[in-house]
Amino acid sequence: MKATVSADQTIQEWGNGLGVRITAPVARAARLTRGVAVKVEVVDGGVFIRTTGKVKLTLAQKLKAFDPAVHGGEVMATGRVGAEVF
């Protein structure tokens, strides 16, 4: 089971509404960044926040998904065309 990251927070008044800060460790663990779209739902026992936008992958996740057969290879698969210097 994956370890969870949590933080005790207090609901604050922000303008005409209410808000809660998402701490940096929680935001990193959830891969939340400024501008990511979320959906807020009321569920039994509380509130559930789910990202609706594209989740940003970490470098490690991107490298794990990299397939040289699909993404790799030479940009110019042919031989030298002109006076390239190597």
Protein backbone atom coordinates (compact mmCIF):
# COMPACT_ATOMS: atom_id res chain seq x y z
CA MET A 1 0.00 0.00 0.00
CA LYS A 2 1.28 3.45 -0.90
CA ALA A 3 2.12 5.75 2.00
CA THR A 4 -0.22 8.72 2.33
CA VAL A 5 0.74 12.33 2.84
CA SER A 6 -1.57 14.38 5.03
CA ALA A 7 -1.73 17.75 6.73
CA ASP A 8 -4.10 19.15 9.35
CA GLN A 9 -5.65 22.36 8.03
CA THR A 10 -8.24 24.93 9.11
CA ILE A 11 -10.94 26.26 6.80
CA GLN A 12 -10.49 30.02 6.35
CA GLU A 13 -12.73 32.73 4.93
CA TRP A 14 -11.50 33.90 1.52
CA GLY A 15 -13.59 36.70 0.05
CA ASN A 16 -17.20 35.55 -0.14
CA GLY A 17 -16.24 31.88 0.14
CA LEU A 18 -14.20 29.45 2.18
CA GLY A 19 -10.81 28.00 1.38
CA VAL A 20 -8.07 25.71 2.58
CA ARG A 21 -4.40 25.82 1.65
CA ILE A 22 -2.86 22.73 0.13
CA THR A 23 0.58 22.43 1.68
CA ALA A 24 3.63 21.88 -0.52
CA PRO A 25 4.20 18.23 0.53
CA VAL A 26 0.56 17.35 -0.21
CA ALA A 27 0.64 19.23 -3.52
CA ARG A 28 3.86 17.45 -4.59
CA ALA A 29 2.48 14.03 -3.62
CA ALA A 30 -0.73 14.71 -5.60
CA ARG A 31 1.21 16.34 -8.46
CA LEU A 32 -0.84 19.52 -8.16
CA THR A 33 0.44 22.73 -9.67
CA ARG A 34 -1.00 26.18 -10.28
CA GLY A 35 -3.62 26.11 -13.00
CA VAL A 36 -4.52 22.40 -12.80
CA ALA A 37 -8.28 21.92 -13.09
CA VAL A 38 -9.98 20.10 -10.21
CA LYS A 39 -13.47 18.85 -9.42
CA VAL A 40 -14.75 19.25 -5.85
CA GLU A 41 -17.37 16.72 -4.71
CA VAL A 42 -19.30 16.31 -1.47
CA VAL A 43 -19.06 12.67 -0.34
CA ASP A 44 -20.05 10.77 2.79
CA GLY A 45 -17.87 12.13 5.56
CA GLY A 46 -16.36 15.10 3.76
CA VAL A 47 -15.14 16.64 0.54
CA PHE A 48 -13.24 14.95 -2.27
CA ILE A 49 -10.98 16.88 -4.68
CA ARG A 50 -10.02 15.19 -7.93
CA THR A 51 -7.90 16.54 -10.76
CA THR A 52 -9.75 16.80 -14.05
CA GLY A 53 -6.86 18.09 -16.12
CA LYS A 54 -3.85 16.23 -17.34
CA VAL A 55 -1.62 15.09 -14.47
CA LYS A 56 2.01 16.17 -14.83
CA LEU A 57 4.38 13.22 -14.82
CA THR A 58 7.66 13.23 -12.98
CA LEU A 59 10.90 12.71 -14.91
CA ALA A 60 11.16 9.18 -13.48
CA GLN A 61 7.64 8.37 -14.73
CA LYS A 62 8.40 9.80 -18.17
CA LEU A 63 11.62 7.77 -18.42
CA LYS A 64 9.79 4.61 -17.33
CA ALA A 65 7.21 5.13 -20.10
CA PHE A 66 9.89 5.79 -22.74
CA ASP A 67 9.99 3.10 -25.43
CA PRO A 68 12.96 3.44 -27.82
CA ALA A 69 11.09 1.47 -30.49
CA VAL A 70 8.33 4.07 -30.48
CA HIS A 71 10.05 7.28 -29.38
CA GLY A 72 13.69 6.67 -30.10
CA GLY A 73 15.92 6.26 -33.05
CA GLU A 74 17.80 8.73 -35.12
CA VAL A 75 16.09 11.92 -36.17
CA MET A 76 17.72 11.57 -39.56
CA ALA A 77 17.69 7.86 -40.32
CA THR A 78 19.50 8.31 -43.65
CA GLY A 79 23.18 8.90 -44.06
CA ARG A 80 24.89 12.25 -44.44
CA VAL A 81 23.21 14.49 -46.96
CA GLY A 82 25.56 17.42 -47.23
CA ALA A 83 28.76 18.60 -45.65
CA GLU A 84 27.89 17.76 -42.03
CA VAL A 85 30.89 17.90 -39.71
CA PHE A 86 31.21 15.27 -36.99
